[in-house]
Amino acid sequence: MTNSFLYATTVLIWGTTWYAIIFQLGVVSPEVSIVWRFISASLILFGWCLIRGKNLRFSRRQHCWMVLQGCFLFSGNYLVFYFATGFVTSGLVAVSFSMIILFNISLGALFFAQPVRPRVAISAVIGLAGIALLFLPELKGFNLEDEGFRGMMLCIGGTALASVGNLISGRNQCSGLPVIQTNAWGMLYGSMVSATVALLLGRDFIIDWQAPYLLSLVYLSLFGTVFGFGAYLTLLGRIGADRAAYATVLFPLVALLLSTLFENYHWTPLAAGGVVLVVFGNILALKPSRRAALDGRLKEPAKRSRDE
C-alpha cells in the first residue's frame, strides 16, 4: 500500500469516528465503551494473527513497550478526551487534538533526538490556523472563568498522551516490532487499563443492545481501531510521527462534512478560508524536499544497474 492510500484511509476513517462516537454516549459510561471498543479490536487482531500464522510471542522487554503503547495510545488519551467532552464543545476538542503535530515535533526532538523539519513545522502552524478559523465561534465563546478552562487543560493533556503514544509506536517499529501484533497486544493492555479505571469509578459493565450503539461499536472497533490504527501507525513508521500526525488536522474537516450532511452545519467565509489553509498546509507537509527528490533520482540509476 502506498503512503497516499494509508494517509487517505486514516483521514477518512478517523474523521468519521467523531460522528460515530455520538451513538456511544448515553446508557453505557464512556470508560466502559472504551473497554468494549478496544477489547473487540484486540480480539479481531489476535484472530487475524492466528489465521495468518503470525508470531505472537515476544520478550518481556518487548511486552513492556507494548504496555506503554497501550497505556498512552489505546487508553489514557481516550479516557481524558471523554472526560473533556463534559466541559468543552467538540470544536474545541478537535482544535486541541490538532496540536498533536506540535507535540510530536517537540517531544520527538526532546526525547528521541528526532530532527525538527522546518517545513513540516511551518505547515503544522498553517494547518492549525486553518482549524482555528473553522472553529472561531467556539473559540470566541471560550471563557477561562468557567469549566471550559478545565476542559481545555484536559484536551491538552489528552493530546500530549496521544503524542507520546505515537512516538512509542514509532520507537517500537524502529526496533523491529510488527504493527499488527503490537497493536493486538497494545489494545489488550489498553483495554485492561480502561477497565481498571472504570472499576475504580464504580461504572457498570453493561452493553446497550440497541442497534445504534451496537453498529457504532462495530464500526469503531473494526474500522476506527483495527483499520484506522493499522493504516496510521504503518504510515507513522514510514514517514515519521511529525508528517503522519498532520492527518489529524484533516479529521475535523471530515467531521464538518458529516455535520453539513446530517447536522445542518452552516459554512461561513472564515470556515472556507480555514479549509484553504488546511489543504495548503497539508500539501506543504507532504511535498518531498529537494534533497529527498535528488537522492531518489541518484539512487534510481544504481538500482537499475543492479537489476540489469
C-alpha atoms as a PDB file:
ATOM      1  CA  MET A   1       0.000   0.000   0.000  1.00  0.00           C
ATOM      2  CA  THR A   2       1.238   3.472  -0.883  1.00  0.00           C
ATOM      3  CA  ASN A   3       1.678   6.262   1.653  1.00  0.00           C
ATOM      4  CA  SER A   4      -1.080   8.263  -0.067  1.00  0.00           C
ATOM      5  CA  PHE A   5      -3.530   5.378   0.343  1.00  0.00           C
ATOM      6  CA  LEU A   6      -2.620   4.960   4.018  1.00  0.00           C
ATOM      7  CA  TYR A   7      -2.947   8.704   4.566  1.00  0.00           C
ATOM      8  CA  ALA A   8      -6.371   8.912   2.888  1.00  0.00           C
ATOM      9  CA  THR A   9      -7.596   5.833   4.772  1.00  0.00           C
ATOM     10  CA  THR A  10      -6.530   7.320   8.098  1.00  0.00           C
ATOM     11  CA  VAL A  11      -8.195  10.672   7.451  1.00  0.00           C
ATOM     12  CA  LEU A  12     -11.479   9.268   6.141  1.00  0.00           C
ATOM     13  CA  ILE A  13     -11.893   6.591   8.812  1.00  0.00           C
ATOM     14  CA  TRP A  14     -10.839   8.624  11.821  1.00  0.00           C
ATOM     15  CA  GLY A  15     -12.721  11.666  10.550  1.00  0.00           C
ATOM     16  CA  THR A  16     -15.963   9.675  10.638  1.00  0.00           C
ATOM     17  CA  THR A  17     -15.374   8.248  14.116  1.00  0.00           C
ATOM     18  CA  TRP A  18     -16.174  11.668  15.643  1.00  0.00           C
ATOM     19  CA  TYR A  19     -19.745  11.208  14.413  1.00  0.00           C
ATOM     20  CA  ALA A  20     -19.931   7.516  15.347  1.00  0.00           C
ATOM     21  CA  ILE A  21     -18.936   8.248  18.954  1.00  0.00           C
ATOM     22  CA  ILE A  22     -22.182  10.209  19.384  1.00  0.00           C
ATOM     23  CA  PHE A  23     -24.081   6.914  19.336  1.00  0.00           C
ATOM     24  CA  GLN A  24     -21.844   5.532  22.096  1.00  0.00           C
ATOM     25  CA  LEU A  25     -22.888   8.133  24.644  1.00  0.00           C
ATOM     26  CA  GLY A  26     -25.884   7.553  26.863  1.00  0.00           C
ATOM     27  CA  VAL A  27     -26.680   4.221  28.509  1.00  0.00           C
ATOM     28  CA  VAL A  28     -23.096   2.917  28.767  1.00  0.00           C
ATOM     29  CA  SER A  29     -20.452   5.013  30.511  1.00  0.00           C
ATOM     30  CA  PRO A  30     -17.628   6.292  28.263  1.00  0.00           C
ATOM     31  CA  GLU A  31     -14.979   4.341  30.190  1.00  0.00           C
ATOM     32  CA  VAL A  32     -16.824   1.056  29.640  1.00  0.00           C
ATOM     33  CA  SER A  33     -17.493   1.855  25.967  1.00  0.00           C
ATOM     34  CA  ILE A  34     -13.742   2.350  25.512  1.00  0.00           C
ATOM     35  CA  VAL A  35     -13.171  -1.096  27.058  1.00  0.00           C
ATOM     36  CA  TRP A  36     -15.650  -2.757  24.670  1.00  0.00           C
ATOM     37  CA  ARG A  37     -14.139  -0.941  21.689  1.00  0.00           C
ATOM     38  CA  PHE A  38     -10.524  -1.911  22.291  1.00  0.00           C
ATOM     39  CA  ILE A  39     -11.095  -5.415  23.622  1.00  0.00           C
ATOM     40  CA  SER A  40     -13.145  -6.155  20.482  1.00  0.00           C
ATOM     41  CA  ALA A  41     -10.446  -4.723  18.237  1.00  0.00           C
ATOM     42  CA  SER A  42      -7.791  -6.693  20.093  1.00  0.00           C
ATOM     43  CA  LEU A  43      -9.672  -9.975  19.645  1.00  0.00           C
ATOM     44  CA  ILE A  44     -10.101  -9.262  15.936  1.00  0.00           C
ATOM     45  CA  LEU A  45      -6.372  -8.678  15.533  1.00  0.00           C
ATOM     46  CA  PHE A  46      -5.430 -11.753  17.571  1.00  0.00           C
ATOM     47  CA  GLY A  47      -7.787 -13.853  15.437  1.00  0.00           C
ATOM     48  CA  TRP A  48      -6.217 -12.480  12.260  1.00  0.00           C
ATOM     49  CA  CYS A  49      -2.722 -13.220  13.558  1.00  0.00           C
ATOM     50  CA  LEU A  50      -3.668 -16.812  14.405  1.00  0.00           C
ATOM     51  CA  ILE A  51      -5.266 -17.374  10.983  1.00  0.00           C
ATOM     52  CA  ARG A  52      -2.231 -15.926   9.191  1.00  0.00           C
ATOM     53  CA  GLY A  53       0.241 -17.751  11.449  1.00  0.00           C
ATOM     54  CA  LYS A  54       1.897 -14.550  12.665  1.00  0.00           C
ATOM     55  CA  ASN A  55       4.222 -14.673  15.643  1.00  0.00           C
ATOM     56  CA  LEU A  56       2.602 -13.575  18.899  1.00  0.00           C
ATOM     57  CA  ARG A  57       5.460 -14.436  21.262  1.00  0.00           C
ATOM     58  CA  PHE A  58       7.689 -11.596  22.378  1.00  0.00           C
ATOM     59  CA  SER A  59      10.217 -10.962  25.111  1.00  0.00           C
ATOM     60  CA  ARG A  60       9.351  -9.400  28.453  1.00  0.00           C
ATOM     61  CA  ARG A  61      11.087  -6.187  27.453  1.00  0.00           C
ATOM     62  CA  GLN A  62       9.102  -6.009  24.213  1.00  0.00           C
ATOM     63  CA  HIS A  63       5.865  -6.539  26.140  1.00  0.00           C
ATOM     64  CA  CYS A  64       6.821  -3.664  28.415  1.00  0.00           C
ATOM     65  CA  TRP A  65       6.982  -1.356  25.413  1.00  0.00           C
ATOM     66  CA  MET A  66       3.639  -2.719  24.192  1.00  0.00           C
ATOM     67  CA  VAL A  67       2.141  -1.975  27.600  1.00  0.00           C
ATOM     68  CA  LEU A  68       3.393   1.600  27.345  1.00  0.00           C
ATOM     69  CA  GLN A  69       1.942   1.949  23.855  1.00  0.00           C
ATOM     70  CA  GLY A  70      -1.383   0.576  25.083  1.00  0.00           C
ATOM     71  CA  CYS A  71      -1.488   2.878  28.107  1.00  0.00           C
ATOM     72  CA  PHE A  72      -0.825   6.056  26.140  1.00  0.00           C
ATOM     73  CA  LEU A  73      -2.321   5.345  22.707  1.00  0.00           C
ATOM     74  CA  PHE A  74      -5.222   2.954  23.355  1.00  0.00           C
ATOM     75  CA  SER A  75      -6.427   4.053  26.781  1.00  0.00           C
ATOM     76  CA  GLY A  76      -5.118   7.172  28.520  1.00  0.00           C
ATOM     77  CA  ASN A  77      -5.759   9.732  25.797  1.00  0.00           C
ATOM     78  CA  TYR A  78      -9.244   8.347  25.087  1.00  0.00           C
ATOM     79  CA  LEU A  79     -10.222   8.473  28.759  1.00  0.00           C
ATOM     80  CA  VAL A  80      -9.021  12.059  29.129  1.00  0.00           C
ATOM     81  CA  PHE A  81     -10.801  13.222  25.963  1.00  0.00           C
ATOM     82  CA  TYR A  82     -14.054  11.596  27.040  1.00  0.00           C
ATOM     83  CA  PHE A  83     -13.808  13.434  30.358  1.00  0.00           C
ATOM     84  CA  ALA A  84     -13.047  16.682  28.484  1.00  0.00           C
ATOM     85  CA  THR A  85     -16.219  16.458  26.398  1.00  0.00           C
ATOM     86  CA  GLY A  86     -18.171  17.142  29.577  1.00  0.00           C
ATOM     87  CA  PHE A  87     -16.657  20.638  29.741  1.00  0.00           C
ATOM     88  CA  VAL A  88     -15.968  21.872  26.190  1.00  0.00           C
ATOM     89  CA  THR A  89     -17.544  21.667  22.748  1.00  0.00           C
ATOM     90  CA  SER A  90     -16.496  19.197  20.088  1.00  0.00           C
ATOM     91  CA  GLY A  91     -14.979  22.064  18.094  1.00  0.00           C
ATOM     92  CA  LEU A  92     -12.525  22.876  20.864  1.00  0.00           C
ATOM     93  CA  VAL A  93     -11.700  19.183  21.245  1.00  0.00           C
ATOM     94  CA  ALA A  94     -10.898  18.989  17.521  1.00  0.00           C
ATOM     95  CA  VAL A  95      -8.748  22.124  17.699  1.00  0.00           C
ATOM     96  CA  SER A  96      -6.812  20.857  20.697  1.00  0.00           C
ATOM     97  CA  PHE A  97      -6.212  17.419  19.203  1.00  0.00           C
ATOM     98  CA  SER A  98      -4.763  19.022  16.077  1.00  0.00           C
ATOM     99  CA  MET A  99      -1.947  20.248  18.322  1.00  0.00           C
ATOM    100  CA  ILE A 100      -0.596  16.692  18.310  1.00  0.00           C
ATOM    101  CA  ILE A 101       1.578  17.756  15.381  1.00  0.00           C
ATOM    102  CA  LEU A 102       3.405  20.283  17.517  1.00  0.00           C
ATOM    103  CA  PHE A 103       3.636  17.803  20.386  1.00  0.00           C
ATOM    104  CA  ASN A 104       5.098  15.153  18.065  1.00  0.00           C
ATOM    105  CA  ILE A 105       7.690  17.567  16.742  1.00  0.00           C
ATOM    106  CA  SER A 106       8.734  18.916  20.157  1.00  0.00           C
ATOM    107  CA  LEU A 107       8.567  15.656  22.129  1.00  0.00           C
ATOM    108  CA  GLY A 108      10.268  13.739  19.317  1.00  0.00           C
ATOM    109  CA  ALA A 109      13.157  16.205  19.366  1.00  0.00           C
ATOM    110  CA  LEU A 110      13.318  16.246  23.175  1.00  0.00           C
ATOM    111  CA  PHE A 111      13.156  12.529  23.996  1.00  0.00           C
ATOM    112  CA  PHE A 112      14.043  10.713  20.745  1.00  0.00           C
ATOM    113  CA  ALA A 113      16.536  13.172  19.206  1.00  0.00           C
ATOM    114  CA  GLN A 114      14.420  13.435  16.067  1.00  0.00           C
ATOM    115  CA  PRO A 115      15.365  16.318  13.769  1.00  0.00           C
ATOM    116  CA  VAL A 116      12.866  19.167  13.521  1.00  0.00           C
ATOM    117  CA  ARG A 117      11.958  19.699   9.870  1.00  0.00           C
ATOM    118  CA  PRO A 118      11.267  23.424   9.461  1.00  0.00           C
ATOM    119  CA  ARG A 119       8.881  22.970   6.527  1.00  0.00           C
ATOM    120  CA  VAL A 120       6.777  20.443   8.443  1.00  0.00           C
ATOM    121  CA  ALA A 121       6.669  22.739  11.474  1.00  0.00           C
ATOM    122  CA  ILE A 122       5.559  25.675   9.310  1.00  0.00           C
ATOM    123  CA  SER A 123       2.886  23.562   7.631  1.00  0.00           C
ATOM    124  CA  ALA A 124       1.615  22.489  11.046  1.00  0.00           C
ATOM    125  CA  VAL A 125       1.196  26.113  12.128  1.00  0.00           C
ATOM    126  CA  ILE A 126      -0.636  26.900   8.879  1.00  0.00           C
ATOM    127  CA  GLY A 127      -2.940  23.933   9.405  1.00  0.00           C
ATOM    128  CA  LEU A 128      -3.681  24.897  12.993  1.00  0.00           C
ATOM    129  CA  ALA A 129      -4.506  28.444  11.850  1.00  0.00           C
ATOM    130  CA  GLY A 130      -6.988  26.936   9.417  1.00  0.00           C
ATOM    131  CA  ILE A 131      -8.574  24.842  12.169  1.00  0.00           C
ATOM    132  CA  ALA A 132      -8.840  27.963  14.338  1.00  0.00           C
ATOM    133  CA  LEU A 133     -10.752  29.768  11.575  1.00  0.00           C
ATOM    134  CA  LEU A 134     -13.075  26.788  11.164  1.00  0.00           C
ATOM    135  CA  PHE A 135     -13.972  26.836  14.845  1.00  0.00           C
ATOM    136  CA  LEU A 136     -13.663  30.563  15.505  1.00  0.00           C
ATOM    137  CA  PRO A 137     -17.184  30.868  17.001  1.00  0.00           C
ATOM    138  CA  GLU A 138     -16.366  28.240  19.628  1.00  0.00           C
ATOM    139  CA  LEU A 139     -13.010  29.847  20.329  1.00  0.00           C
ATOM    140  CA  LYS A 140     -14.629  33.261  20.793  1.00  0.00           C
ATOM    141  CA  GLY A 141     -17.056  31.785  23.307  1.00  0.00           C
ATOM    142  CA  PHE A 142     -14.282  30.255  25.380  1.00  0.00           C
ATOM    143  CA  ASN A 143     -14.197  31.687  28.908  1.00  0.00           C
ATOM    144  CA  LEU A 144     -11.322  30.919  31.257  1.00  0.00           C
ATOM    145  CA  GLU A 145     -13.509  31.676  34.277  1.00  0.00           C
ATOM    146  CA  ASP A 146     -15.811  28.678  33.801  1.00  0.00           C
ATOM    147  CA  GLU A 147     -15.321  24.939  33.409  1.00  0.00           C
ATOM    148  CA  GLY A 148     -14.072  25.465  29.867  1.00  0.00           C
ATOM    149  CA  PHE A 149     -10.566  26.102  31.191  1.00  0.00           C
ATOM    150  CA  ARG A 150     -10.578  22.723  32.957  1.00  0.00           C
ATOM    151  CA  GLY A 151     -11.820  21.051  29.796  1.00  0.00           C
ATOM    152  CA  MET A 152      -9.159  22.730  27.678  1.00  0.00           C
ATOM    153  CA  MET A 153      -6.447  21.547  30.057  1.00  0.00           C
ATOM    154  CA  LEU A 154      -7.814  18.016  29.765  1.00  0.00           C
ATOM    155  CA  CYS A 155      -7.766  18.298  25.966  1.00  0.00           C
ATOM    156  CA  ILE A 156      -4.150  19.416  26.009  1.00  0.00           C
ATOM    157  CA  GLY A 157      -3.285  16.572  28.393  1.00  0.00           C
ATOM    158  CA  GLY A 158      -5.066  14.030  26.187  1.00  0.00           C
ATOM    159  CA  THR A 159      -3.238  15.325  23.125  1.00  0.00           C
ATOM    160  CA  ALA A 160       0.097  15.029  24.924  1.00  0.00           C
ATOM    161  CA  LEU A 161      -0.704  11.418  25.884  1.00  0.00           C
ATOM    162  CA  ALA A 162      -1.619  10.582  22.293  1.00  0.00           C
ATOM    163  CA  SER A 163       1.616  12.154  21.082  1.00  0.00           C
ATOM    164  CA  VAL A 164       3.692  10.074  23.492  1.00  0.00           C
ATOM    165  CA  GLY A 165       1.825   7.009  22.226  1.00  0.00           C
ATOM    166  CA  ASN A 166       2.699   7.972  18.655  1.00  0.00           C
ATOM    167  CA  LEU A 167       6.375   8.285  19.491  1.00  0.00           C
ATOM    168  CA  ILE A 168       6.409   4.982  21.387  1.00  0.00           C
ATOM    169  CA  SER A 169       4.813   3.276  18.384  1.00  0.00           C
ATOM    170  CA  GLY A 170       7.476   4.763  16.121  1.00  0.00           C
ATOM    171  CA  ARG A 171      10.155   3.521  18.512  1.00  0.00           C
ATOM    172  CA  ASN A 172       8.615   0.029  18.566  1.00  0.00           C
ATOM    173  CA  GLN A 173       8.574  -0.166  14.777  1.00  0.00           C
ATOM    174  CA  CYS A 174      12.167   1.012  14.548  1.00  0.00           C
ATOM    175  CA  SER A 175      13.145  -1.787  16.953  1.00  0.00           C
ATOM    176  CA  GLY A 176      11.518  -4.371  14.668  1.00  0.00           C
ATOM    177  CA  LEU A 177       8.151  -4.912  16.372  1.00  0.00           C
ATOM    178  CA  PRO A 178       5.421  -5.626  13.754  1.00  0.00           C
ATOM    179  CA  VAL A 179       2.475  -3.221  13.668  1.00  0.00           C
ATOM    180  CA  ILE A 180      -0.384  -5.751  13.725  1.00  0.00           C
ATOM    181  CA  GLN A 181       0.883  -7.895  16.606  1.00  0.00           C
ATOM    182  CA  THR A 182       1.977  -4.828  18.575  1.00  0.00           C
ATOM    183  CA  ASN A 183      -1.476  -3.293  18.138  1.00  0.00           C
ATOM    184  CA  ALA A 184      -3.162  -6.538  19.219  1.00  0.00           C
ATOM    185  CA  TRP A 185      -1.210  -6.693  22.465  1.00  0.00           C
ATOM    186  CA  GLY A 186      -1.270  -2.922  22.991  1.00  0.00           C
ATOM    187  CA  MET A 187      -5.058  -2.738  22.603  1.00  0.00           C
ATOM    188  CA  LEU A 188      -5.469  -5.627  25.017  1.00  0.00           C
ATOM    189  CA  TYR A 189      -3.292  -3.867  27.595  1.00  0.00           C
ATOM    190  CA  GLY A 190      -5.053  -0.556  26.940  1.00  0.00           C
ATOM    191  CA  SER A 191      -8.493  -2.107  27.475  1.00  0.00           C
ATOM    192  CA  MET A 192      -7.253  -3.550  30.776  1.00  0.00           C
ATOM    193  CA  VAL A 193      -6.157  -0.073  31.905  1.00  0.00           C
ATOM    194  CA  SER A 194      -9.539   1.402  30.932  1.00  0.00           C
ATOM    195  CA  ALA A 195     -11.335  -1.443  32.725  1.00  0.00           C
ATOM    196  CA  THR A 196      -9.336  -0.714  35.879  1.00  0.00           C
ATOM    197  CA  VAL A 197     -10.314   2.965  35.701  1.00  0.00           C
ATOM    198  CA  ALA A 198     -13.970   2.013  35.172  1.00  0.00           C
ATOM    199  CA  LEU A 199     -13.878  -0.292  38.214  1.00  0.00           C
ATOM    200  CA  LEU A 200     -12.281   2.384  40.391  1.00  0.00           C
ATOM    201  CA  LEU A 201     -15.003   4.820  39.336  1.00  0.00           C
ATOM    202  CA  GLY A 202     -17.724   2.288  40.068  1.00  0.00           C
ATOM    203  CA  ARG A 203     -19.011   2.016  36.491  1.00  0.00           C
ATOM    204  CA  ASP A 204     -21.354  -0.799  35.476  1.00  0.00           C
ATOM    205  CA  PHE A 205     -20.043  -3.113  32.745  1.00  0.00           C
ATOM    206  CA  ILE A 206     -23.187  -3.201  30.613  1.00  0.00           C
ATOM    207  CA  ILE A 207     -23.961  -3.122  26.885  1.00  0.00           C
ATOM    208  CA  ASP A 208     -26.674  -1.149  25.128  1.00  0.00           C
ATOM    209  CA  TRP A 209     -28.342  -3.698  22.852  1.00  0.00           C
ATOM    210  CA  GLN A 210     -29.977  -1.045  20.690  1.00  0.00           C
ATOM    211  CA  ALA A 211     -28.911  -1.013  17.029  1.00  0.00           C
ATOM    212  CA  PRO A 212     -27.289   2.482  17.007  1.00  0.00           C
ATOM    213  CA  TYR A 213     -24.935   1.571  19.869  1.00  0.00           C
ATOM    214  CA  LEU A 214     -24.040  -1.871  18.519  1.00  0.00           C
ATOM    215  CA  LEU A 215     -23.481  -0.681  14.945  1.00  0.00           C
ATOM    216  CA  SER A 216     -21.356   2.246  16.071  1.00  0.00           C
ATOM    217  CA  LEU A 217     -19.367  -0.096  18.326  1.00  0.00           C
ATOM    218  CA  VAL A 218     -18.688  -2.442  15.399  1.00  0.00           C
ATOM    219  CA  TYR A 219     -17.634   0.488  13.219  1.00  0.00           C
ATOM    220  CA  LEU A 220     -15.379   1.998  15.883  1.00  0.00           C
ATOM    221  CA  SER A 221     -13.802  -1.370  16.721  1.00  0.00           C
ATOM    222  CA  LEU A 222     -13.242  -2.704  13.206  1.00  0.00           C
ATOM    223  CA  PHE A 223     -12.749   0.396  11.090  1.00  0.00           C
ATOM    224  CA  GLY A 224     -11.865   3.133  13.570  1.00  0.00           C
ATOM    225  CA  THR A 225      -9.477   0.965  15.582  1.00  0.00           C
ATOM    226  CA  VAL A 226      -8.250  -2.059  13.602  1.00  0.00           C
ATOM    227  CA  PHE A 227      -8.042  -0.455  10.150  1.00  0.00           C
ATOM    228  CA  GLY A 228      -7.541   3.129  11.319  1.00  0.00           C
ATOM    229  CA  PHE A 229      -4.670   2.471  13.705  1.00  0.00           C
ATOM    230  CA  GLY A 230      -3.179  -0.080  11.312  1.00  0.00           C
ATOM    231  CA  ALA A 231      -3.019   2.463   8.496  1.00  0.00           C
ATOM    232  CA  TYR A 232      -1.885   5.359  10.678  1.00  0.00           C
ATOM    233  CA  LEU A 233       0.848   3.543  12.584  1.00  0.00           C
ATOM    234  CA  THR A 234       2.180   1.968   9.375  1.00  0.00           C
ATOM    235  CA  LEU A 235       2.326   5.455   7.874  1.00  0.00           C
ATOM    236  CA  LEU A 236       3.988   6.746  11.040  1.00  0.00           C
ATOM    237  CA  GLY A 237       6.703   4.116  10.733  1.00  0.00           C
ATOM    238  CA  ARG A 238       7.359   5.091   7.127  1.00  0.00           C
ATOM    239  CA  ILE A 239       7.354   8.901   7.145  1.00  0.00           C
ATOM    240  CA  GLY A 240       7.780   9.835  10.826  1.00  0.00           C
ATOM    241  CA  ALA A 241       5.462  11.000  13.583  1.00  0.00           C
ATOM    242  CA  ASP A 242       5.571  14.677  12.584  1.00  0.00           C
ATOM    243  CA  ARG A 243       4.344  14.214   8.988  1.00  0.00           C
ATOM    244  CA  ALA A 244       1.987  11.345   9.793  1.00  0.00           C
ATOM    245  CA  ALA A 245       0.289  13.356  12.539  1.00  0.00           C
ATOM    246  CA  TYR A 246      -0.680  16.033  10.042  1.00  0.00           C
ATOM    247  CA  ALA A 247      -3.576  13.746   9.154  1.00  0.00           C
ATOM    248  CA  THR A 248      -5.117  14.835  12.458  1.00  0.00           C
ATOM    249  CA  VAL A 249      -5.545  18.344  11.071  1.00  0.00           C
ATOM    250  CA  LEU A 250      -7.931  16.945   8.467  1.00  0.00           C
ATOM    251  CA  PHE A 251     -10.075  14.914  10.880  1.00  0.00           C
ATOM    252  CA  PRO A 252     -12.255  17.924  11.808  1.00  0.00           C
ATOM    253  CA  LEU A 253     -12.831  18.656   8.120  1.00  0.00           C
ATOM    254  CA  VAL A 254     -14.332  15.221   7.574  1.00  0.00           C
ATOM    255  CA  ALA A 255     -16.389  15.685  10.736  1.00  0.00           C
ATOM    256  CA  LEU A 256     -17.601  19.044   9.396  1.00  0.00           C
ATOM    257  CA  LEU A 257     -18.677  17.404   6.147  1.00  0.00           C
ATOM    258  CA  LEU A 258     -20.775  14.913   8.101  1.00  0.00           C
ATOM    259  CA  SER A 259     -22.200  17.761  10.172  1.00  0.00           C
ATOM    260  CA  THR A 260     -23.121  19.558   6.959  1.00  0.00           C
ATOM    261  CA  LEU A 261     -24.955  16.491   5.675  1.00  0.00           C
ATOM    262  CA  PHE A 262     -26.592  15.283   8.889  1.00  0.00           C
ATOM    263  CA  GLU A 263     -26.429  18.073  11.499  1.00  0.00           C
ATOM    264  CA  ASN A 264     -27.246  21.198   9.446  1.00  0.00           C
ATOM    265  CA  TYR A 265     -23.819  22.802   9.792  1.00  0.00           C
ATOM    266  CA  HIS A 266     -23.657  26.210   8.033  1.00  0.00           C
ATOM    267  CA  TRP A 267     -20.466  27.245   6.267  1.00  0.00           C
ATOM    268  CA  THR A 268     -19.063  30.778   6.578  1.00  0.00           C
ATOM    269  CA  PRO A 269     -16.366  32.663   4.618  1.00  0.00           C
ATOM    270  CA  LEU A 270     -13.991  32.203   7.559  1.00  0.00           C
ATOM    271  CA  ALA A 271     -14.666  28.456   7.575  1.00  0.00           C
ATOM    272  CA  ALA A 272     -13.966  28.267   3.844  1.00  0.00           C
ATOM    273  CA  GLY A 273     -10.728  30.183   4.387  1.00  0.00           C
ATOM    274  CA  GLY A 274      -9.811  27.705   7.091  1.00  0.00           C
ATOM    275  CA  VAL A 275     -10.268  24.815   4.659  1.00  0.00           C
ATOM    276  CA  VAL A 276      -7.924  26.516   2.181  1.00  0.00           C
ATOM    277  CA  LEU A 277      -5.237  26.934   4.852  1.00  0.00           C
ATOM    278  CA  VAL A 278      -5.554  23.325   5.991  1.00  0.00           C
ATOM    279  CA  VAL A 279      -5.277  21.960   2.453  1.00  0.00           C
ATOM    280  CA  PHE A 280      -2.292  24.215   1.670  1.00  0.00           C
ATOM    281  CA  GLY A 281      -0.518  23.158   4.833  1.00  0.00           C
ATOM    282  CA  ASN A 282      -1.251  19.528   4.022  1.00  0.00           C
ATOM    283  CA  ILE A 283       0.314  19.806   0.559  1.00  0.00           C
ATOM    284  CA  LEU A 284       3.326  21.613   2.007  1.00  0.00           C
ATOM    285  CA  ALA A 285       3.873  18.928   4.653  1.00  0.00           C
ATOM    286  CA  LEU A 286       3.656  16.020   2.226  1.00  0.00           C
ATOM    287  CA  LYS A 287       5.712  17.535  -0.590  1.00  0.00           C
ATOM    288  CA  PRO A 288       9.124  15.815  -0.763  1.00  0.00           C
ATOM    289  CA  SER A 289      12.095  18.031  -0.074  1.00  0.00           C
ATOM    290  CA  ARG A 290      14.507  18.850  -2.910  1.00  0.00           C
ATOM    291  CA  ARG A 291      17.223  16.816  -1.221  1.00  0.00           C
ATOM    292  CA  ALA A 292      14.960  13.755  -0.922  1.00  0.00           C
ATOM    293  CA  ALA A 293      13.926  14.083  -4.552  1.00  0.00           C
ATOM    294  CA  LEU A 294      17.581  14.402  -5.606  1.00  0.00           C
ATOM    295  CA  ASP A 295      18.538  11.364  -3.538  1.00  0.00           C
ATOM    296  CA  GLY A 296      15.753   9.406  -5.205  1.00  0.00           C
ATOM    297  CA  ARG A 297      16.980  10.355  -8.673  1.00  0.00           C
ATOM    298  CA  LEU A 298      20.555   9.408  -7.767  1.00  0.00           C
ATOM    299  CA  LYS A 299      19.516   6.030  -6.384  1.00  0.00           C
ATOM    300  CA  GLU A 300      17.353   5.082  -9.351  1.00  0.00           C
ATOM    301  CA  PRO A 301      20.218   4.576 -11.871  1.00  0.00           C
ATOM    302  CA  ALA A 302      22.097   2.472  -9.307  1.00  0.00           C
ATOM    303  CA  LYS A 303      19.003   0.340  -8.749  1.00  0.00           C
ATOM    304  CA  ARG A 304      18.549  -0.170 -12.492  1.00  0.00           C
ATOM    305  CA  SER A 305      22.198  -1.172 -12.904  1.00  0.00           C
ATOM    306  CA  ARG A 306      21.855  -3.781 -10.133  1.00  0.00           C
ATOM    307  CA  ASP A 307      18.710  -5.149 -11.721  1.00  0.00           C
ATOM    308  CA  GLU A 308      20.470  -5.489 -15.049  1.00  0.00           C
END
